[in-house]
Amino acid sequence: MKKSERYNYITGKQITEPGSRVYEISGMRLPSVTTILAKTKNQEYLTAWKKKVGNEEAERIKNLSSKRGTAMHKFLEKHILGEGYEDLTEIGQQAKPMAQKIIDMGLTPVTEYFGSEVMLHYTGLYAGSTDLVCMHNDMETIIDFKQSNRPKKEEWIEDYYLQIAAYAMAHDYAYDSNIRQGIILVCTPDLYMQEFRFQDADMRKWRHKFLKRLDEYYEIMREPDIKIEAKDFLTKAEEEKKELAESYEESKRQTKERRPGPIDSFSEDLQNSIKKTVDSK
């Protein structure tokens, strides 16, 4: 596959944090496209699926799919770069024919590519990494590779479309390009490959939809966190100290008013305990 030097891509650093992924790029720390989509996604289906199969089985399937997807992407990346690669692990041997299926059926119309595993960002808003930026049927195109445990229906993969639309928008913004087409190439372990393609008017439609999700994300992030400053802790401690002191003084007064009796020794111990607590504050 011929490499074009049309675009000089900026690189950055990907950081995975609990529950999210961010990119440090051009001096900015930006949320990833996948994080934005995950935070604004309707989780009802996923919750129902986990309930159906159980959390342990759901985690096993998720981890296996992730590892197989990573291995498949590695084969595809090395093919695009023209570098030899082999993975003799069990997962690697599952992923290799999946990658080859995508190469044989999905990448034939690609005449040249601009970048593989390209880090993209839209200044101040978001960032992400796309699998391939190329010329496909004479159109500047972004392609994303996906592994799946079963064939996909189009209505199931809205976030895939949104992901490519976000990358296309960032690419056009940063490099003054004209990404007209997005392609999603999906392959299952039994080598069933699907291609989902959209362009021009549909591309604009998905860009607008992504912008709505982006707005939702920043609305969520703008919701104020409940924070207690250090001065609030000190104020609360002083109030508790005052209450304990008042309680202690009241206890002493009541003790003096009572006649001496067997219970006085217990009261004295209680007062000493309260006094120690007050003093420790």
C-alpha atoms as a PDB file:
ATOM      1  CA  MET A   1       0.000   0.000   0.000  1.00  0.00           C
ATOM      2  CA  LYS A   2       1.490   3.337  -1.082  1.00  0.00           C
ATOM      3  CA  LYS A   3       2.190   5.928   1.623  1.00  0.00           C
ATOM      4  CA  SER A   4       1.373   9.581   0.929  1.00  0.00           C
ATOM      5  CA  GLU A   5       3.096  12.389   2.822  1.00  0.00           C
ATOM      6  CA  ARG A   6       0.231  14.817   2.273  1.00  0.00           C
ATOM      7  CA  TYR A   7      -0.352  15.312   6.002  1.00  0.00           C
ATOM      8  CA  ASN A   8       2.256  15.790   8.718  1.00  0.00           C
ATOM      9  CA  TYR A   9       0.506  14.333  11.741  1.00  0.00           C
ATOM     10  CA  ILE A  10       0.966  15.672  15.255  1.00  0.00           C
ATOM     11  CA  THR A  11       1.599  13.045  17.919  1.00  0.00           C
ATOM     12  CA  GLY A  12       0.721  13.056  21.584  1.00  0.00           C
ATOM     13  CA  LYS A  13       0.340  10.778  24.577  1.00  0.00           C
ATOM     14  CA  GLN A  14      -2.585   8.517  25.398  1.00  0.00           C
ATOM     15  CA  ILE A  15      -3.395   8.127  29.102  1.00  0.00           C
ATOM     16  CA  THR A  16      -5.857   5.549  30.416  1.00  0.00           C
ATOM     17  CA  GLU A  17      -7.450   6.467  33.735  1.00  0.00           C
ATOM     18  CA  PRO A  18     -10.132   4.617  35.731  1.00  0.00           C
ATOM     19  CA  GLY A  19     -13.297   4.882  33.662  1.00  0.00           C
ATOM     20  CA  SER A  20     -11.860   7.132  30.977  1.00  0.00           C
ATOM     21  CA  ARG A  21      -9.109   7.831  28.477  1.00  0.00           C
ATOM     22  CA  VAL A  22      -7.483  11.171  27.793  1.00  0.00           C
ATOM     23  CA  TYR A  23      -4.882  12.478  25.379  1.00  0.00           C
ATOM     24  CA  GLU A  24      -2.099  14.944  26.036  1.00  0.00           C
ATOM     25  CA  ILE A  25      -1.528  16.659  22.728  1.00  0.00           C
ATOM     26  CA  SER A  26      -0.270  20.118  21.744  1.00  0.00           C
ATOM     27  CA  GLY A  27      -0.151  21.135  25.399  1.00  0.00           C
ATOM     28  CA  MET A  28      -3.783  20.173  26.017  1.00  0.00           C
ATOM     29  CA  ARG A  29      -5.361  17.352  28.004  1.00  0.00           C
ATOM     30  CA  LEU A  30      -8.429  16.244  26.069  1.00  0.00           C
ATOM     31  CA  PRO A  31     -11.069  13.525  26.607  1.00  0.00           C
ATOM     32  CA  SER A  32     -11.074  10.709  24.072  1.00  0.00           C
ATOM     33  CA  VAL A  33     -13.918  10.253  21.602  1.00  0.00           C
ATOM     34  CA  THR A  34     -14.630   6.804  23.060  1.00  0.00           C
ATOM     35  CA  THR A  35     -14.870   8.270  26.584  1.00  0.00           C
ATOM     36  CA  ILE A  36     -17.275  10.978  25.405  1.00  0.00           C
ATOM     37  CA  LEU A  37     -19.494   8.388  23.723  1.00  0.00           C
ATOM     38  CA  ALA A  38     -19.359   6.015  26.702  1.00  0.00           C
ATOM     39  CA  LYS A  39     -20.337   8.755  29.168  1.00  0.00           C
ATOM     40  CA  THR A  40     -23.347   9.807  27.066  1.00  0.00           C
ATOM     41  CA  LYS A  41     -24.504   6.370  25.913  1.00  0.00           C
ATOM     42  CA  ASN A  42     -27.778   4.750  26.931  1.00  0.00           C
ATOM     43  CA  GLN A  43     -26.572   1.863  29.101  1.00  0.00           C
ATOM     44  CA  GLU A  44     -29.882  -0.012  29.342  1.00  0.00           C
ATOM     45  CA  TYR A  45     -28.979  -2.705  26.812  1.00  0.00           C
ATOM     46  CA  LEU A  46     -25.553  -3.311  28.341  1.00  0.00           C
ATOM     47  CA  THR A  47     -27.025  -3.508  31.843  1.00  0.00           C
ATOM     48  CA  ALA A  48     -29.675  -5.991  30.694  1.00  0.00           C
ATOM     49  CA  TRP A  49     -27.046  -8.126  28.933  1.00  0.00           C
ATOM     50  CA  LYS A  50     -24.828  -8.233  32.033  1.00  0.00           C
ATOM     51  CA  LYS A  51     -27.825  -9.231  34.109  1.00  0.00           C
ATOM     52  CA  LYS A  52     -28.661 -11.998  31.645  1.00  0.00           C
ATOM     53  CA  VAL A  53     -25.203 -13.599  31.388  1.00  0.00           C
ATOM     54  CA  GLY A  54     -23.857 -12.598  34.801  1.00  0.00           C
ATOM     55  CA  ASN A  55     -21.110 -10.126  35.636  1.00  0.00           C
ATOM     56  CA  GLU A  56     -18.321 -12.715  35.619  1.00  0.00           C
ATOM     57  CA  GLU A  57     -19.231 -14.070  32.168  1.00  0.00           C
ATOM     58  CA  ALA A  58     -19.759 -10.557  30.824  1.00  0.00           C
ATOM     59  CA  GLU A  59     -16.281  -9.564  32.005  1.00  0.00           C
ATOM     60  CA  ARG A  60     -14.760 -12.691  30.428  1.00  0.00           C
ATOM     61  CA  ILE A  61     -16.408 -11.989  27.064  1.00  0.00           C
ATOM     62  CA  LYS A  62     -15.417  -8.320  27.180  1.00  0.00           C
ATOM     63  CA  ASN A  63     -11.761  -9.106  27.947  1.00  0.00           C
ATOM     64  CA  LEU A  64     -11.533 -11.797  25.264  1.00  0.00           C
ATOM     65  CA  SER A  65     -13.102  -9.511  22.662  1.00  0.00           C
ATOM     66  CA  SER A  66     -10.755  -6.685  23.605  1.00  0.00           C
ATOM     67  CA  LYS A  67      -7.635  -8.867  23.316  1.00  0.00           C
ATOM     68  CA  ARG A  68      -8.775 -10.358  19.996  1.00  0.00           C
ATOM     69  CA  GLY A  69      -9.574  -6.887  18.660  1.00  0.00           C
ATOM     70  CA  THR A  70      -6.157  -5.576  19.704  1.00  0.00           C
ATOM     71  CA  ALA A  71      -4.437  -8.522  17.998  1.00  0.00           C
ATOM     72  CA  MET A  72      -6.475  -8.052  14.809  1.00  0.00           C
ATOM     73  CA  HIS A  73      -5.606  -4.338  14.721  1.00  0.00           C
ATOM     74  CA  LYS A  74      -1.914  -5.185  15.078  1.00  0.00           C
ATOM     75  CA  PHE A  75      -1.981  -7.482  12.042  1.00  0.00           C
ATOM     76  CA  LEU A  76      -3.780  -4.815  10.010  1.00  0.00           C
ATOM     77  CA  GLU A  77      -1.414  -2.035  11.092  1.00  0.00           C
ATOM     78  CA  LYS A  78       1.643  -4.085  10.159  1.00  0.00           C
ATOM     79  CA  HIS A  79       0.124  -4.979   6.780  1.00  0.00           C
ATOM     80  CA  ILE A  80      -0.553  -1.315   6.010  1.00  0.00           C
ATOM     81  CA  LEU A  81       2.992  -0.346   7.013  1.00  0.00           C
ATOM     82  CA  GLY A  82       4.418  -3.190   4.934  1.00  0.00           C
ATOM     83  CA  GLU A  83       6.099  -4.812   7.921  1.00  0.00           C
ATOM     84  CA  GLY A  84       6.233  -8.516   8.676  1.00  0.00           C
ATOM     85  CA  TYR A  85       4.401  -9.658  11.806  1.00  0.00           C
ATOM     86  CA  GLU A  86       3.362 -12.877  13.497  1.00  0.00           C
ATOM     87  CA  ASP A  87       1.500 -13.691  16.693  1.00  0.00           C
ATOM     88  CA  LEU A  88       1.593 -17.368  17.645  1.00  0.00           C
ATOM     89  CA  THR A  89      -0.647 -17.054  20.706  1.00  0.00           C
ATOM     90  CA  GLU A  90      -4.107 -18.614  20.625  1.00  0.00           C
ATOM     91  CA  ILE A  91      -5.736 -15.196  20.354  1.00  0.00           C
ATOM     92  CA  GLY A  92      -3.229 -14.143  17.711  1.00  0.00           C
ATOM     93  CA  GLN A  93      -4.085 -17.160  15.604  1.00  0.00           C
ATOM     94  CA  GLN A  94      -7.784 -16.307  15.872  1.00  0.00           C
ATOM     95  CA  ALA A  95      -7.140 -12.699  14.898  1.00  0.00           C
ATOM     96  CA  LYS A  96      -4.843 -13.318  11.915  1.00  0.00           C
ATOM     97  CA  PRO A  97      -7.480 -14.732   9.506  1.00  0.00           C
ATOM     98  CA  MET A  98      -9.912 -12.017  10.631  1.00  0.00           C
ATOM     99  CA  ALA A  99      -7.386  -9.365   9.643  1.00  0.00           C
ATOM    100  CA  GLN A 100      -6.715 -11.116   6.355  1.00  0.00           C
ATOM    101  CA  LYS A 101     -10.426 -11.169   5.566  1.00  0.00           C
ATOM    102  CA  ILE A 102     -10.577  -7.400   6.039  1.00  0.00           C
ATOM    103  CA  ILE A 103      -7.465  -6.956   3.883  1.00  0.00           C
ATOM    104  CA  ASP A 104      -8.852  -9.102   1.056  1.00  0.00           C
ATOM    105  CA  MET A 105     -12.391  -7.751   1.051  1.00  0.00           C
ATOM    106  CA  GLY A 106     -12.221  -4.294   2.594  1.00  0.00           C
ATOM    107  CA  LEU A 107      -8.929  -2.653   1.644  1.00  0.00           C
ATOM    108  CA  THR A 108      -8.745  -3.422  -2.083  1.00  0.00           C
ATOM    109  CA  PRO A 109     -10.166  -0.006  -3.144  1.00  0.00           C
ATOM    110  CA  VAL A 110      -7.509   1.849  -1.093  1.00  0.00           C
ATOM    111  CA  THR A 111      -5.011   3.425  -3.508  1.00  0.00           C
ATOM    112  CA  GLU A 112      -2.851   5.236  -0.954  1.00  0.00           C
ATOM    113  CA  TYR A 113      -2.875   6.008   2.742  1.00  0.00           C
ATOM    114  CA  PHE A 114      -1.935   9.113   4.710  1.00  0.00           C
ATOM    115  CA  GLY A 115      -1.591   7.559   8.143  1.00  0.00           C
ATOM    116  CA  SER A 116      -2.199   4.446  10.224  1.00  0.00           C
ATOM    117  CA  GLU A 117      -3.142   4.630  13.914  1.00  0.00           C
ATOM    118  CA  VAL A 118      -3.396   8.400  13.535  1.00  0.00           C
ATOM    119  CA  MET A 119      -3.839  10.558  16.636  1.00  0.00           C
ATOM    120  CA  LEU A 120      -6.324  13.354  15.937  1.00  0.00           C
ATOM    121  CA  HIS A 121      -7.654  16.225  18.010  1.00  0.00           C
ATOM    122  CA  TYR A 122     -10.047  19.115  17.856  1.00  0.00           C
ATOM    123  CA  THR A 123      -8.474  21.953  19.835  1.00  0.00           C
ATOM    124  CA  GLY A 124      -9.980  22.318  23.288  1.00  0.00           C
ATOM    125  CA  LEU A 125     -12.704  19.699  22.761  1.00  0.00           C
ATOM    126  CA  TYR A 126     -11.608  16.099  22.168  1.00  0.00           C
ATOM    127  CA  ALA A 127      -9.002  13.727  20.748  1.00  0.00           C
ATOM    128  CA  GLY A 128      -8.705  10.137  19.586  1.00  0.00           C
ATOM    129  CA  SER A 129      -6.887   7.618  17.408  1.00  0.00           C
ATOM    130  CA  THR A 130      -8.276   6.338  14.130  1.00  0.00           C
ATOM    131  CA  ASP A 131      -7.137   3.198  12.367  1.00  0.00           C
ATOM    132  CA  LEU A 132      -6.598   4.449   8.825  1.00  0.00           C
ATOM    133  CA  VAL A 133      -6.783   7.701   6.858  1.00  0.00           C
ATOM    134  CA  CYS A 134      -6.607   7.001   3.141  1.00  0.00           C
ATOM    135  CA  MET A 135      -7.850   7.477  -0.409  1.00  0.00           C
ATOM    136  CA  HIS A 136     -10.672   5.004  -1.009  1.00  0.00           C
ATOM    137  CA  ASN A 137     -12.465   5.137  -4.365  1.00  0.00           C
ATOM    138  CA  ASP A 138     -10.858   8.558  -4.963  1.00  0.00           C
ATOM    139  CA  MET A 139     -12.272  10.027  -1.732  1.00  0.00           C
ATOM    140  CA  GLU A 140     -10.432  11.048   1.410  1.00  0.00           C
ATOM    141  CA  THR A 141     -11.681   8.447   3.862  1.00  0.00           C
ATOM    142  CA  ILE A 142     -11.399   7.407   7.485  1.00  0.00           C
ATOM    143  CA  ILE A 143     -11.623   3.655   8.111  1.00  0.00           C
ATOM    144  CA  ASP A 144     -12.117   1.969  11.463  1.00  0.00           C
ATOM    145  CA  PHE A 145     -11.607  -1.772  12.027  1.00  0.00           C
ATOM    146  CA  LYS A 146     -13.879  -3.622  14.443  1.00  0.00           C
ATOM    147  CA  GLN A 147     -14.012  -7.195  15.665  1.00  0.00           C
ATOM    148  CA  SER A 148     -17.368  -8.588  16.723  1.00  0.00           C
ATOM    149  CA  ASN A 149     -18.567 -11.831  18.257  1.00  0.00           C
ATOM    150  CA  ARG A 150     -21.546 -11.824  15.874  1.00  0.00           C
ATOM    151  CA  PRO A 151     -22.742  -9.880  12.813  1.00  0.00           C
ATOM    152  CA  LYS A 152     -23.943  -6.359  13.478  1.00  0.00           C
ATOM    153  CA  LYS A 153     -27.167  -4.628  12.541  1.00  0.00           C
ATOM    154  CA  GLU A 154     -26.759  -1.007  11.509  1.00  0.00           C
ATOM    155  CA  GLU A 155     -28.964   0.234  14.340  1.00  0.00           C
ATOM    156  CA  TRP A 156     -26.623  -1.410  16.854  1.00  0.00           C
ATOM    157  CA  ILE A 157     -23.533   0.532  15.815  1.00  0.00           C
ATOM    158  CA  GLU A 158     -24.535   4.187  15.987  1.00  0.00           C
ATOM    159  CA  ASP A 159     -21.482   4.951  18.115  1.00  0.00           C
ATOM    160  CA  TYR A 160     -19.189   3.555  15.387  1.00  0.00           C
ATOM    161  CA  TYR A 161     -20.603   6.123  12.964  1.00  0.00           C
ATOM    162  CA  LEU A 162     -20.268   8.878  15.550  1.00  0.00           C
ATOM    163  CA  GLN A 163     -16.681   7.871  16.245  1.00  0.00           C
ATOM    164  CA  ILE A 164     -15.652   8.182  12.595  1.00  0.00           C
ATOM    165  CA  ALA A 165     -17.602  11.439  12.206  1.00  0.00           C
ATOM    166  CA  ALA A 166     -15.696  12.893  15.172  1.00  0.00           C
ATOM    167  CA  TYR A 167     -12.355  11.841  13.678  1.00  0.00           C
ATOM    168  CA  ALA A 168     -13.312  13.261  10.279  1.00  0.00           C
ATOM    169  CA  MET A 169     -14.278  16.586  11.828  1.00  0.00           C
ATOM    170  CA  ALA A 170     -11.004  16.765  13.791  1.00  0.00           C
ATOM    171  CA  HIS A 171      -8.955  15.849  10.714  1.00  0.00           C
ATOM    172  CA  ASP A 172     -10.607  18.540   8.586  1.00  0.00           C
ATOM    173  CA  TYR A 173     -10.140  21.097  11.371  1.00  0.00           C
ATOM    174  CA  ALA A 174      -6.465  20.335  12.042  1.00  0.00           C
ATOM    175  CA  TYR A 175      -5.245  19.631   8.499  1.00  0.00           C
ATOM    176  CA  ASP A 176      -7.641  21.512   6.235  1.00  0.00           C
ATOM    177  CA  SER A 177      -8.637  18.235   4.594  1.00  0.00           C
ATOM    178  CA  ASN A 178     -11.927  17.135   3.060  1.00  0.00           C
ATOM    179  CA  ILE A 179     -12.879  13.811   4.619  1.00  0.00           C
ATOM    180  CA  ARG A 180     -15.975  12.864   2.654  1.00  0.00           C
ATOM    181  CA  GLN A 181     -16.308   9.202   3.543  1.00  0.00           C
ATOM    182  CA  GLY A 182     -16.292   6.943   6.567  1.00  0.00           C
ATOM    183  CA  ILE A 183     -16.051   3.140   6.459  1.00  0.00           C
ATOM    184  CA  ILE A 184     -16.519   0.634   9.280  1.00  0.00           C
ATOM    185  CA  LEU A 185     -15.076  -2.823   8.573  1.00  0.00           C
ATOM    186  CA  VAL A 186     -16.320  -5.513  10.966  1.00  0.00           C
ATOM    187  CA  CYS A 187     -15.188  -9.136  11.113  1.00  0.00           C
ATOM    188  CA  THR A 188     -16.320 -12.001  13.355  1.00  0.00           C
ATOM    189  CA  PRO A 189     -14.180 -14.961  14.506  1.00  0.00           C
ATOM    190  CA  ASP A 190     -15.977 -17.173  11.950  1.00  0.00           C
ATOM    191  CA  LEU A 191     -14.769 -14.722   9.248  1.00  0.00           C
ATOM    192  CA  TYR A 192     -18.041 -13.012   8.410  1.00  0.00           C
ATOM    193  CA  MET A 193     -17.069  -9.520   7.254  1.00  0.00           C
ATOM    194  CA  GLN A 194     -19.368  -6.503   6.981  1.00  0.00           C
ATOM    195  CA  GLU A 195     -18.772  -3.080   5.503  1.00  0.00           C
ATOM    196  CA  PHE A 196     -20.758  -0.035   6.612  1.00  0.00           C
ATOM    197  CA  ARG A 197     -20.082   3.010   4.449  1.00  0.00           C
ATOM    198  CA  PHE A 198     -21.358   6.595   4.627  1.00  0.00           C
ATOM    199  CA  GLN A 199     -20.387   9.810   2.864  1.00  0.00           C
ATOM    200  CA  ASP A 200     -21.169  13.462   2.097  1.00  0.00           C
ATOM    201  CA  ALA A 201     -24.719  14.276   3.373  1.00  0.00           C
ATOM    202  CA  ASP A 202     -24.723  11.278   5.717  1.00  0.00           C
ATOM    203  CA  MET A 203     -21.283  12.244   6.978  1.00  0.00           C
ATOM    204  CA  ARG A 204     -22.602  15.733   7.811  1.00  0.00           C
ATOM    205  CA  LYS A 205     -25.587  14.200   9.584  1.00  0.00           C
ATOM    206  CA  TRP A 206     -23.357  12.066  11.815  1.00  0.00           C
ATOM    207  CA  ARG A 207     -21.081  15.011  12.539  1.00  0.00           C
ATOM    208  CA  HIS A 208     -24.062  16.983  13.817  1.00  0.00           C
ATOM    209  CA  LYS A 209     -25.148  14.035  15.956  1.00  0.00           C
ATOM    210  CA  PHE A 210     -21.688  13.755  17.464  1.00  0.00           C
ATOM    211  CA  LEU A 211     -21.707  17.463  18.333  1.00  0.00           C
ATOM    212  CA  LYS A 212     -24.910  16.904  20.300  1.00  0.00           C
ATOM    213  CA  ARG A 213     -23.275  14.073  22.259  1.00  0.00           C
ATOM    214  CA  LEU A 214     -20.219  16.268  22.798  1.00  0.00           C
ATOM    215  CA  ASP A 215     -22.442  18.983  24.239  1.00  0.00           C
ATOM    216  CA  GLU A 216     -24.109  16.411  26.525  1.00  0.00           C
ATOM    217  CA  TYR A 217     -20.696  15.263  27.735  1.00  0.00           C
ATOM    218  CA  TYR A 218     -19.582  18.756  28.691  1.00  0.00           C
ATOM    219  CA  GLU A 219     -22.921  19.407  30.383  1.00  0.00           C
ATOM    220  CA  ILE A 220     -22.321  16.309  32.507  1.00  0.00           C
ATOM    221  CA  MET A 221     -18.762  17.397  33.284  1.00  0.00           C
ATOM    222  CA  ARG A 222     -19.940  20.887  34.262  1.00  0.00           C
ATOM    223  CA  GLU A 223     -22.263  19.552  36.969  1.00  0.00           C
ATOM    224  CA  PRO A 224     -20.750  20.741  40.273  1.00  0.00           C
ATOM    225  CA  ASP A 225     -19.088  18.144  42.436  1.00  0.00           C
ATOM    226  CA  ILE A 226     -19.946  18.118  46.133  1.00  0.00           C
ATOM    227  CA  LYS A 227     -16.733  19.212  47.791  1.00  0.00           C
ATOM    228  CA  ILE A 228     -15.955  20.007  51.436  1.00  0.00           C
ATOM    229  CA  GLU A 229     -13.035  22.386  51.822  1.00  0.00           C
ATOM    230  CA  ALA A 230     -10.491  22.037  54.645  1.00  0.00           C
ATOM    231  CA  LYS A 231     -11.929  25.106  56.379  1.00  0.00           C
ATOM    232  CA  ASP A 232     -15.334  23.368  56.459  1.00  0.00           C
ATOM    233  CA  PHE A 233     -13.791  20.398  58.277  1.00  0.00           C
ATOM    234  CA  LEU A 234     -12.202  22.758  60.825  1.00  0.00           C
ATOM    235  CA  THR A 235     -15.474  24.601  61.356  1.00  0.00           C
ATOM    236  CA  LYS A 236     -17.309  21.311  61.896  1.00  0.00           C
ATOM    237  CA  ALA A 237     -14.653  20.122  64.352  1.00  0.00           C
ATOM    238  CA  GLU A 238     -14.929  23.364  66.346  1.00  0.00           C
ATOM    239  CA  GLU A 239     -18.712  23.005  66.504  1.00  0.00           C
ATOM    240  CA  GLU A 240     -18.410  19.434  67.757  1.00  0.00           C
ATOM    241  CA  LYS A 241     -15.815  20.524  70.309  1.00  0.00           C
ATOM    242  CA  LYS A 242     -18.129  23.267  71.598  1.00  0.00           C
ATOM    243  CA  GLU A 243     -21.078  20.851  71.857  1.00  0.00           C
ATOM    244  CA  LEU A 244     -18.998  18.322  73.792  1.00  0.00           C
ATOM    245  CA  ALA A 245     -17.696  21.042  76.138  1.00  0.00           C
ATOM    246  CA  GLU A 246     -21.240  22.280  76.838  1.00  0.00           C
ATOM    247  CA  SER A 247     -22.357  18.713  77.432  1.00  0.00           C
ATOM    248  CA  TYR A 248     -19.444  18.196  79.796  1.00  0.00           C
ATOM    249  CA  GLU A 249     -20.229  21.365  81.804  1.00  0.00           C
ATOM    250  CA  GLU A 250     -23.898  20.448  82.018  1.00  0.00           C
ATOM    251  CA  SER A 251     -22.956  16.993  83.235  1.00  0.00           C
ATOM    252  CA  LYS A 252     -20.764  18.514  85.983  1.00  0.00           C
ATOM    253  CA  ARG A 253     -23.555  20.849  87.101  1.00  0.00           C
ATOM    254  CA  GLN A 254     -26.069  18.035  87.329  1.00  0.00           C
ATOM    255  CA  THR A 255     -23.603  15.887  89.238  1.00  0.00           C
ATOM    256  CA  LYS A 256     -23.070  18.607  91.873  1.00  0.00           C
ATOM    257  CA  GLU A 257     -26.829  18.996  92.344  1.00  0.00           C
ATOM    258  CA  ARG A 258     -27.301  15.296  92.937  1.00  0.00           C
ATOM    259  CA  ARG A 259     -26.657  13.526  96.227  1.00  0.00           C
ATOM    260  CA  PRO A 260     -23.495  11.444  96.299  1.00  0.00           C
ATOM    261  CA  GLY A 261     -24.201   7.830  95.484  1.00  0.00           C
ATOM    262  CA  PRO A 262     -22.772   4.678  93.933  1.00  0.00           C
ATOM    263  CA  ILE A 263     -23.420   6.008  90.436  1.00  0.00           C
ATOM    264  CA  ASP A 264     -21.116   9.023  91.001  1.00  0.00           C
ATOM    265  CA  SER A 265     -17.972   6.997  90.300  1.00  0.00           C
ATOM    266  CA  PHE A 266     -19.405   6.017  86.889  1.00  0.00           C
ATOM    267  CA  SER A 267     -20.371   9.663  86.179  1.00  0.00           C
ATOM    268  CA  GLU A 268     -16.854  10.772  87.014  1.00  0.00           C
ATOM    269  CA  ASP A 269     -15.404   8.228  84.573  1.00  0.00           C
ATOM    270  CA  LEU A 270     -17.826   9.394  81.890  1.00  0.00           C
ATOM    271  CA  GLN A 271     -16.879  13.033  82.497  1.00  0.00           C
ATOM    272  CA  ASN A 272     -13.177  12.209  82.276  1.00  0.00           C
ATOM    273  CA  SER A 273     -13.785  10.395  79.021  1.00  0.00           C
ATOM    274  CA  ILE A 274     -15.701  13.387  77.605  1.00  0.00           C
ATOM    275  CA  LYS A 275     -13.001  15.754  78.802  1.00  0.00           C
ATOM    276  CA  LYS A 276     -10.297  13.700  77.054  1.00  0.00           C
ATOM    277  CA  THR A 277     -12.339  13.741  73.841  1.00  0.00           C
ATOM    278  CA  VAL A 278     -12.773  17.509  74.060  1.00  0.00           C
ATOM    279  CA  ASP A 279      -9.076  18.054  74.771  1.00  0.00           C
ATOM    280  CA  SER A 280      -8.074  15.809  71.862  1.00  0.00           C
ATOM    281  CA  LYS A 281     -10.050  18.011  69.495  1.00  0.00           C
END
